[in-house]
Amino acid sequence: MQSNKRKQFLKRLAVLGLGLGLSLSLGMSASHAAGEKFVLISHAPDSDSWWNTIKNSVKQAGEDFNVTVDYRNPPNGDLADMARLVEQAAARNYDGVIVSIADFSVLQKPLGLVAAKKIPFITINSGTLAQSEQLGAVMHVGQPEYEAGKGAGEKAKAAGIKSFVCVNHYATNPSSFERCRGFAEAIGVDFKAATLDAGEDPTTIESKLSAFLRNNPKTQAVLALGPTSAHASLKALEKMGLKGKMWFATFDLSEEISKAIKDGSIQFAIDQQPYLQGYIPVAVLAIMKQDKTTDLAKVREKLMNNAKFKARMAEYGLAPSYGPRHIGSGPGYVTKDNIGKVEKYAGQFR
């Protein structure tokens, strides 16, 4: 009898071990897998290294709050594949789901399955606050795109800028135009006339910007929407003898952008602090589950007072923006004054 029980126990253990071996977890080790289990599903292809910071933050949040977090993404960035990953998350009954709103129409149905299972979920990164609320998310953690563009535009206005071109390398994402619109409205110009649909190819971006500046010689500033457009724009300005002479700001960071900030070619980079987009959702879901509460004021207070969280914020130089429901990860501004700390953790936690 004892022998049969032992055999059954070992068999169950083997099955459990196999299951754990197939799980791509970022957080607690298998020995801690009895706790809450969450999943973060992004729209990023495997080739997008920008998401490495979020992967690192998810791992650290898992350690700090004693939970397991899986990271899932469509290898080639196909949104239909992403939708299937969300459907799988609903079927696997995770304790919580974190997901980027890459395309509202594509994700609305699969996230409906998550909501039907009464699995709490938090949206991050892309998408709007209104979309997040319509989907039934607990909250959205990201950078409000219009506000980020407007904040950058206000800095430009203070510097005397009255005209600009927004170099948009991912016009296929509707939220990208909110960055351009915010900047344009801050300085008082028509954003459509100032927005350049540059495409993703660096050579094309460079040639399109050069043509725009030749046709609009009174343009005072360039706003790039990320490294792809920033790098090509810098090349275009350099060839035209305008690098360092034209006011320039960009979203996001890279080694080349950091160098340009230090030499004065770029005034500042608008940083959406991606670390927060991974860490905060995990922390919020963990607190909700462990404290058995949906009171976001209480959850926010506990998060803000968590010693491990506060230590990480201080170490990496990060600052969330807390709202009644949603939490802003940005915008933060990287200038000559704080570029040292940012560079120290670039690609890991910044």
Protein backbone atom coordinates (compact mmCIF):
# COMPACT_ATOMS: atom_id res chain seq x y z
CA MET A 1 0.00 0.00 0.00
CA GLN A 2 2.74 2.40 0.97
CA SER A 3 4.62 1.46 -2.20
CA ASN A 4 1.62 2.27 -4.41
CA LYS A 5 1.11 5.62 -2.73
CA ARG A 6 4.77 6.44 -3.23
CA LYS A 7 4.55 5.52 -6.92
CA GLN A 8 1.47 7.71 -7.38
CA PHE A 9 3.20 10.59 -5.62
CA LEU A 10 6.31 10.29 -7.80
CA LYS A 11 4.15 10.11 -10.92
CA ARG A 12 2.32 13.31 -9.98
CA LEU A 13 5.64 14.96 -9.16
CA ALA A 14 7.04 14.00 -12.57
CA VAL A 15 4.02 15.49 -14.32
CA LEU A 16 4.31 18.66 -12.28
CA GLY A 17 8.02 18.90 -13.04
CA LEU A 18 7.37 18.53 -16.75
CA GLY A 19 4.80 21.32 -16.62
CA LEU A 20 7.21 23.60 -14.82
CA GLY A 21 9.95 22.81 -17.27
CA LEU A 22 7.82 24.04 -20.18
CA SER A 23 6.92 27.34 -18.51
CA LEU A 24 8.98 30.34 -19.62
CA SER A 25 8.77 32.13 -16.29
CA LEU A 26 10.34 35.43 -15.33
CA GLY A 27 10.16 35.69 -11.57
CA MET A 28 10.17 33.14 -8.81
CA SER A 29 11.85 29.79 -9.24
CA ALA A 30 9.90 26.54 -9.52
CA SER A 31 10.09 26.09 -5.75
CA HIS A 32 7.91 29.20 -5.35
CA ALA A 33 5.44 28.32 -8.09
CA ALA A 34 2.65 27.64 -5.59
CA GLY A 35 2.05 31.41 -5.29
CA GLU A 36 0.15 33.70 -7.66
CA LYS A 37 0.94 33.32 -11.34
CA PHE A 38 0.60 36.13 -13.87
CA VAL A 39 1.41 36.56 -17.55
CA LEU A 40 2.57 39.60 -19.51
CA ILE A 41 1.70 39.48 -23.21
CA SER A 42 3.37 42.05 -25.46
CA HIS A 43 3.00 42.79 -29.16
CA ALA A 44 6.78 42.92 -29.68
CA PRO A 45 8.60 40.52 -32.01
CA ASP A 46 11.62 38.64 -30.68
CA SER A 47 13.90 41.08 -32.53
CA ASP A 48 12.71 44.11 -30.51
CA SER A 49 15.36 44.58 -27.81
CA TRP A 50 13.50 47.58 -26.32
CA TRP A 51 11.33 45.12 -24.39
CA ASN A 52 14.32 43.64 -22.56
CA THR A 53 13.92 46.36 -19.92
CA ILE A 54 10.32 45.28 -19.33
CA LYS A 55 11.39 41.63 -19.09
CA ASN A 56 13.94 42.61 -16.43
CA SER A 57 11.40 44.64 -14.49
CA VAL A 58 8.89 41.78 -14.55
CA LYS A 59 11.52 39.43 -13.14
CA GLN A 60 12.38 41.83 -10.33
CA ALA A 61 8.73 42.49 -9.48
CA GLY A 62 8.18 38.72 -9.29
CA GLU A 63 11.04 38.43 -6.83
CA ASP A 64 9.90 41.41 -4.73
CA PHE A 65 6.26 40.28 -4.46
CA ASN A 66 6.81 36.52 -4.36
CA VAL A 67 4.89 35.70 -7.54
CA THR A 68 5.61 33.95 -10.85
CA VAL A 69 5.33 35.90 -14.11
CA ASP A 70 5.42 34.43 -17.62
CA TYR A 71 6.37 36.60 -20.59
CA ARG A 72 4.68 35.83 -23.90
CA ASN A 73 4.94 37.53 -27.30
CA PRO A 74 4.31 36.76 -30.97
CA PRO A 75 7.80 35.87 -32.34
CA ASN A 76 7.28 37.84 -35.55
CA GLY A 77 5.06 40.55 -34.09
CA ASP A 78 1.92 39.16 -35.76
CA LEU A 79 -1.11 40.55 -33.93
CA ALA A 80 -3.25 37.53 -34.77
CA ASP A 81 -0.68 35.43 -32.90
CA MET A 82 -0.85 37.90 -30.01
CA ALA A 83 -4.63 37.52 -29.89
CA ARG A 84 -4.22 33.75 -29.64
CA LEU A 85 -1.79 34.19 -26.75
CA VAL A 86 -4.44 36.22 -24.92
CA GLU A 87 -7.02 33.49 -25.58
CA GLN A 88 -4.58 30.92 -24.18
CA ALA A 89 -4.06 33.06 -21.08
CA ALA A 90 -7.81 33.05 -20.47
CA ALA A 91 -7.93 29.27 -20.88
CA ARG A 92 -5.05 28.73 -18.46
CA ASN A 93 -6.77 30.70 -15.69
CA TYR A 94 -3.85 32.91 -14.67
CA ASP A 95 -4.32 34.96 -11.51
CA GLY A 96 -3.79 38.10 -13.58
CA VAL A 97 -2.95 39.21 -17.11
CA ILE A 98 -0.88 42.16 -18.34
CA VAL A 99 -1.24 43.11 -22.00
CA SER A 100 -0.31 45.90 -24.41
CA ILE A 101 -3.17 47.34 -26.50
CA ALA A 102 -1.38 47.00 -29.83
CA ASP A 103 -4.68 47.08 -31.74
CA PHE A 104 -7.97 47.57 -29.93
CA SER A 105 -10.09 45.87 -32.58
CA VAL A 106 -7.88 42.76 -32.69
CA LEU A 107 -7.65 42.34 -28.91
CA GLN A 108 -11.18 43.29 -27.88
CA LYS A 109 -12.62 39.79 -28.32
CA PRO A 110 -9.80 37.77 -26.67
CA LEU A 111 -9.65 40.19 -23.74
CA GLY A 112 -13.39 39.71 -23.44
CA LEU A 113 -12.64 36.05 -22.70
CA VAL A 114 -10.23 37.11 -19.94
CA ALA A 115 -12.86 39.40 -18.45
CA ALA A 116 -15.53 36.67 -18.66
CA LYS A 117 -13.30 34.43 -16.54
CA LYS A 118 -13.12 37.29 -13.98
CA ILE A 119 -9.33 37.36 -14.37
CA PRO A 120 -8.09 40.86 -13.49
CA PHE A 121 -5.96 42.41 -16.21
CA ILE A 122 -3.91 45.55 -16.65
CA THR A 123 -3.09 47.20 -19.97
CA ILE A 124 0.33 48.70 -20.64
CA ASN A 125 2.43 50.57 -23.17
CA SER A 126 0.26 51.24 -26.23
CA GLY A 127 -3.40 52.19 -26.40
CA THR A 128 -5.38 54.91 -24.67
CA LEU A 129 -6.88 55.24 -21.20
CA ALA A 130 -10.36 55.22 -22.74
CA GLN A 131 -9.62 51.96 -24.58
CA SER A 132 -8.27 50.40 -21.39
CA GLU A 133 -11.43 51.31 -19.49
CA GLN A 134 -13.68 50.10 -22.31
CA LEU A 135 -11.93 46.73 -22.27
CA GLY A 136 -12.56 46.45 -18.53
CA ALA A 137 -8.95 46.67 -17.38
CA VAL A 138 -8.06 47.44 -13.78
CA MET A 139 -5.85 50.28 -14.98
CA HIS A 140 -3.44 51.35 -17.70
CA VAL A 141 0.27 51.80 -17.06
CA GLY A 142 2.01 53.71 -19.80
CA GLN A 143 2.88 57.06 -21.20
CA PRO A 144 -0.12 59.16 -22.27
CA GLU A 145 1.02 59.96 -25.81
CA TYR A 146 -0.74 63.30 -26.28
CA GLU A 147 0.45 64.58 -22.90
CA ALA A 148 4.01 63.45 -23.63
CA GLY A 149 4.02 65.28 -26.97
CA LYS A 150 2.47 68.35 -25.39
CA GLY A 151 5.05 68.39 -22.61
CA ALA A 152 7.84 68.30 -25.15
CA GLY A 153 6.12 71.03 -27.17
CA GLU A 154 5.87 73.25 -24.13
CA LYS A 155 9.62 72.95 -23.63
CA ALA A 156 10.10 73.82 -27.31
CA LYS A 157 7.78 76.83 -27.01
CA ALA A 158 9.79 78.08 -24.03
CA ALA A 159 12.87 77.88 -26.27
CA GLY A 160 11.18 80.07 -28.88
CA ILE A 161 10.19 77.31 -31.32
CA LYS A 162 7.23 78.21 -33.58
CA SER A 163 7.48 75.57 -36.31
CA PHE A 164 8.55 71.91 -36.49
CA VAL A 165 8.35 68.63 -38.36
CA CYS A 166 7.26 65.43 -36.66
CA VAL A 167 9.14 62.48 -38.20
CA ASN A 168 6.74 59.56 -37.77
CA HIS A 169 8.30 56.20 -38.59
CA TYR A 170 5.35 54.10 -37.39
CA ALA A 171 2.29 55.83 -38.76
CA THR A 172 0.54 52.44 -38.84
CA ASN A 173 0.01 52.87 -35.07
CA PRO A 174 -2.75 55.48 -34.57
CA SER A 175 -1.41 56.54 -31.16
CA SER A 176 1.81 57.76 -32.80
CA PHE A 177 -0.04 60.77 -34.18
CA GLU A 178 -1.01 61.80 -30.65
CA ARG A 179 2.65 62.56 -29.95
CA CYS A 180 2.80 64.84 -32.99
CA ARG A 181 -0.55 66.45 -32.19
CA GLY A 182 0.38 67.23 -28.60
CA PHE A 183 3.63 68.89 -29.66
CA ALA A 184 1.92 70.86 -32.44
CA GLU A 185 -0.87 72.17 -30.25
CA ALA A 186 1.61 73.23 -27.56
CA ILE A 187 3.40 75.53 -30.01
CA GLY A 188 0.21 76.49 -31.86
CA VAL A 189 0.53 74.90 -35.32
CA ASP A 190 -1.44 72.44 -37.47
CA PHE A 191 -0.11 69.00 -36.62
CA LYS A 192 -1.20 67.39 -39.91
CA ALA A 193 0.82 69.83 -41.99
CA ALA A 194 3.81 69.31 -39.69
CA THR A 195 3.70 65.50 -39.63
CA LEU A 196 5.85 63.45 -41.99
CA ASP A 197 4.87 59.82 -42.62
CA ALA A 198 8.47 58.69 -43.06
CA GLY A 199 8.16 54.90 -43.14
CA GLU A 200 10.49 52.53 -41.30
CA ASP A 201 13.41 52.32 -43.73
CA PRO A 202 16.29 54.54 -42.51
CA THR A 203 17.31 55.60 -46.02
CA THR A 204 13.74 56.59 -46.86
CA ILE A 205 13.37 58.52 -43.61
CA GLU A 206 16.57 60.42 -44.32
CA SER A 207 15.55 61.35 -47.87
CA LYS A 208 12.00 62.33 -46.89
CA LEU A 209 13.16 64.59 -44.07
CA SER A 210 15.78 66.21 -46.30
CA ALA A 211 13.13 66.92 -48.93
CA PHE A 212 10.75 68.34 -46.33
CA LEU A 213 13.37 70.70 -44.94
CA ARG A 214 14.36 71.88 -48.42
CA ASN A 215 10.71 72.61 -49.21
CA ASN A 216 10.08 74.18 -45.78
CA PRO A 217 13.30 76.09 -45.03
CA LYS A 218 11.77 78.02 -42.12
CA THR A 219 11.25 74.85 -40.06
CA GLN A 220 12.86 75.42 -36.67
CA ALA A 221 12.67 72.03 -35.00
CA VAL A 222 12.56 68.27 -35.52
CA LEU A 223 10.63 65.83 -33.33
CA ALA A 224 11.50 62.16 -33.88
CA LEU A 225 9.24 59.43 -32.49
CA GLY A 226 11.97 56.95 -31.56
CA PRO A 227 15.46 55.69 -32.39
CA THR A 228 14.49 54.53 -35.90
CA SER A 229 13.49 58.03 -36.99
CA ALA A 230 15.97 59.83 -34.71
CA HIS A 231 19.06 58.11 -36.12
CA ALA A 232 18.05 58.74 -39.74
CA SER A 233 17.06 62.33 -38.96
CA LEU A 234 20.44 63.04 -37.39
CA LYS A 235 22.12 61.79 -40.57
CA ALA A 236 19.91 64.01 -42.71
CA LEU A 237 20.68 67.07 -40.58
CA GLU A 238 24.40 66.31 -40.62
CA LYS A 239 24.48 66.10 -44.42
CA MET A 240 22.56 69.39 -44.65
CA GLY A 241 24.91 71.12 -42.21
CA LEU A 242 22.10 71.51 -39.66
CA LYS A 243 23.13 69.01 -36.99
CA GLY A 244 23.56 70.84 -33.70
CA LYS A 245 22.02 73.99 -35.21
CA MET A 246 18.39 72.86 -35.39
CA TRP A 247 16.37 72.25 -32.22
CA PHE A 248 15.85 68.48 -31.94
CA ALA A 249 13.97 66.24 -29.51
CA THR A 250 13.09 62.56 -29.69
CA PHE A 251 11.12 59.88 -27.96
CA ASP A 252 12.96 56.96 -26.37
CA LEU A 253 16.65 56.22 -26.02
CA SER A 254 19.56 54.50 -27.70
CA GLU A 255 23.35 54.73 -27.53
CA GLU A 256 23.37 57.13 -30.48
CA ILE A 257 20.67 59.31 -28.93
CA SER A 258 22.56 59.44 -25.63
CA LYS A 259 25.69 60.57 -27.48
CA ALA A 260 23.72 63.29 -29.28
CA ILE A 261 22.26 64.54 -26.00
CA LYS A 262 25.75 64.85 -24.56
CA ASP A 263 27.13 66.73 -27.58
CA GLY A 264 24.10 69.02 -27.80
CA SER A 265 22.69 67.69 -31.10
CA ILE A 266 19.56 66.58 -29.26
CA GLN A 267 18.00 68.78 -26.57
CA PHE A 268 16.33 65.91 -24.72
CA ALA A 269 14.78 62.47 -25.10
CA ILE A 270 11.25 61.78 -23.90
CA ASP A 271 11.52 58.63 -21.83
CA GLN A 272 8.44 56.49 -21.20
CA GLN A 273 10.34 54.63 -18.45
CA PRO A 274 9.48 51.12 -19.68
CA TYR A 275 10.70 49.52 -16.46
CA LEU A 276 7.57 50.85 -14.78
CA GLN A 277 5.33 49.28 -17.43
CA GLY A 278 6.48 45.83 -16.34
CA TYR A 279 7.07 46.25 -12.62
CA ILE A 280 3.98 48.23 -11.57
CA PRO A 281 1.33 45.94 -13.13
CA VAL A 282 2.90 42.87 -11.49
CA ALA A 283 3.06 44.68 -8.14
CA VAL A 284 -0.53 45.94 -8.40
CA LEU A 285 -1.96 42.52 -9.32
CA ALA A 286 0.05 40.87 -6.55
CA ILE A 287 -1.18 43.34 -3.91
CA MET A 288 -4.78 42.98 -5.11
CA LYS A 289 -4.59 39.20 -4.94
CA GLN A 290 -2.64 38.90 -1.70
CA ASP A 291 -4.65 41.54 0.16
CA LYS A 292 -7.95 40.47 -1.44
CA THR A 293 -8.85 44.02 -2.41
CA THR A 294 -9.97 45.94 -5.50
CA ASP A 295 -9.64 49.32 -3.76
CA LEU A 296 -7.07 51.02 -6.00
CA ALA A 297 -6.41 53.78 -3.47
CA LYS A 298 -5.32 51.18 -0.92
CA VAL A 299 -3.33 49.28 -3.53
CA ARG A 300 -1.57 52.45 -4.66
CA GLU A 301 -0.74 53.45 -1.08
CA LYS A 302 0.73 50.05 -0.31
CA LEU A 303 2.79 50.11 -3.50
CA MET A 304 4.13 53.60 -2.83
CA ASN A 305 5.16 52.57 0.69
CA ASN A 306 6.77 49.28 -0.31
CA ALA A 307 10.44 49.44 0.69
CA LYS A 308 11.71 47.27 -2.18
CA PHE A 309 9.78 49.28 -4.75
CA LYS A 310 11.02 52.60 -3.34
CA ALA A 311 14.60 51.35 -3.36
CA ARG A 312 14.39 50.35 -7.03
CA MET A 313 12.85 53.70 -8.00
CA ALA A 314 15.66 55.56 -6.25
CA GLU A 315 18.39 53.34 -7.68
CA TYR A 316 17.22 53.63 -11.30
CA GLY A 317 16.08 57.26 -11.10
CA LEU A 318 12.45 56.51 -12.01
CA ALA A 319 9.29 58.43 -11.12
CA PRO A 320 5.75 57.17 -11.80
CA SER A 321 2.84 59.57 -12.18
CA TYR A 322 -0.07 58.41 -10.01
CA GLY A 323 -3.65 59.10 -11.03
CA PRO A 324 -6.90 58.09 -9.30
CA ARG A 325 -7.06 54.96 -11.45
CA HIS A 326 -4.26 54.86 -14.01
CA ILE A 327 -0.51 55.18 -13.44
CA GLY A 328 1.67 57.06 -15.90
CA SER A 329 5.12 55.64 -16.61
CA GLY A 330 6.12 58.85 -18.34
CA PRO A 331 6.97 61.20 -19.71
CA GLY A 332 10.38 61.54 -18.17
CA TYR A 333 12.96 63.77 -19.81
CA VAL A 334 16.57 62.73 -20.36
CA THR A 335 18.91 65.71 -20.62
CA LYS A 336 22.59 66.43 -20.11
CA ASP A 337 21.84 66.74 -16.39
CA ASN A 338 20.64 63.16 -15.84
CA ILE A 339 22.10 61.27 -18.79
CA GLY A 340 24.81 59.72 -16.56
CA LYS A 341 22.39 57.72 -14.42
CA VAL A 342 20.30 56.78 -17.43
CA GLU A 343 23.34 55.49 -19.33
CA LYS A 344 24.39 53.40 -16.34
CA TYR A 345 21.20 51.36 -16.61
CA ALA A 346 20.40 51.77 -20.32
CA GLY A 347 19.03 48.62 -21.90
CA GLN A 348 18.58 46.95 -18.50
CA PHE A 349 16.36 49.08 -16.29
CA ARG A 350 16.04 52.32 -18.28
